[in-house]
Amino acid sequence: MSSEATLTSKGQTTIPKPIRDSLGMKAGDRMSFTLMPDGVVVMRVKNKHVSDLAGFLHRKGRKAVPIEQLSR
């Protein structure tokens, strides 16, 4: 997917709607930008929250450990 945007005099731009929609972006999401040696800029959306990871490492047949026990 390719799209164009314009840089304002304040250094701001708008991420095109098809890109925002494809990435699941919403107001308040944060992004990181990495400049690669070849001049390519990689933008990563940081819209995942710790709570989204709940159960991510759960294995079938294993008992979940209550949060209270994790701090011991």
Protein backbone atom coordinates (compact mmCIF):
# COMPACT_ATOMS: atom_id res chain seq x y z
CA MET A 1 0.00 0.00 0.00
CA SER A 2 1.40 3.37 -0.96
CA SER A 3 0.11 6.85 -0.26
CA GLU A 4 1.38 10.42 -0.15
CA ALA A 5 1.18 13.14 2.50
CA THR A 6 2.39 16.73 2.83
CA LEU A 7 4.66 18.12 5.53
CA THR A 8 3.41 21.39 7.08
CA SER A 9 5.61 24.33 8.08
CA LYS A 10 5.31 23.05 11.68
CA GLY A 11 6.76 19.65 10.71
CA GLN A 12 3.40 17.90 10.96
CA THR A 13 1.73 15.51 8.55
CA THR A 14 -1.42 13.43 8.41
CA ILE A 15 -1.19 9.69 8.02
CA PRO A 16 -3.56 8.81 5.18
CA LYS A 17 -6.82 7.19 6.28
CA PRO A 18 -6.28 3.89 4.40
CA ILE A 19 -2.93 3.47 6.21
CA ARG A 20 -4.45 4.36 9.62
CA ASP A 21 -7.31 1.94 9.04
CA SER A 22 -5.00 -0.85 7.90
CA LEU A 23 -2.85 -0.43 11.02
CA GLY A 24 -5.85 -0.13 13.34
CA MET A 25 -4.69 3.31 14.48
CA LYS A 26 -6.82 5.62 16.57
CA ALA A 27 -6.41 9.03 18.20
CA GLY A 28 -3.82 8.93 20.97
CA ASP A 29 -1.80 6.03 19.53
CA ARG A 30 1.95 6.54 19.69
CA MET A 31 4.46 5.81 16.97
CA SER A 32 8.20 5.35 16.80
CA PHE A 33 10.33 6.31 13.80
CA THR A 34 13.64 4.67 12.91
CA LEU A 35 15.94 6.08 10.23
CA MET A 36 17.71 3.23 8.46
CA PRO A 37 21.21 3.64 6.96
CA ASP A 38 19.77 3.59 3.41
CA GLY A 39 17.46 6.54 4.15
CA VAL A 40 14.29 4.48 4.63
CA VAL A 41 12.18 5.53 7.61
CA VAL A 42 10.39 2.74 9.48
CA MET A 43 7.31 3.80 11.46
CA ARG A 44 5.96 1.45 14.11
CA VAL A 45 2.60 1.95 15.77
CA LYS A 46 2.64 1.50 19.52
CA ASN A 47 -1.06 0.86 20.05
CA LYS A 48 -0.70 -2.36 22.00
CA HIS A 49 -1.17 -2.23 25.75
CA VAL A 50 0.15 -4.64 28.36
CA SER A 51 -3.42 -5.79 29.01
CA ASP A 52 -3.60 -6.93 25.34
CA LEU A 53 -0.96 -9.54 26.16
CA ALA A 54 -3.04 -11.24 28.86
CA GLY A 55 -3.06 -14.96 28.18
CA PHE A 56 -0.51 -14.67 25.39
CA LEU A 57 1.84 -17.20 26.99
CA HIS A 58 -0.85 -19.52 28.28
CA ARG A 59 -0.27 -23.15 27.34
CA LYS A 60 -3.05 -25.66 27.09
CA GLY A 61 -3.09 -27.97 30.10
CA ARG A 62 -1.13 -25.61 32.35
CA LYS A 63 -2.76 -23.92 35.30
CA ALA A 64 -2.73 -20.12 35.30
CA VAL A 65 -0.83 -18.47 38.15
CA PRO A 66 -2.75 -15.74 40.03
CA ILE A 67 -1.13 -12.30 39.91
CA GLU A 68 -0.78 -12.32 43.70
CA GLN A 69 1.59 -15.28 43.51
CA LEU A 70 3.77 -13.67 40.83
CA SER A 71 5.04 -10.99 43.21
CA ARG A 72 6.28 -13.53 45.77
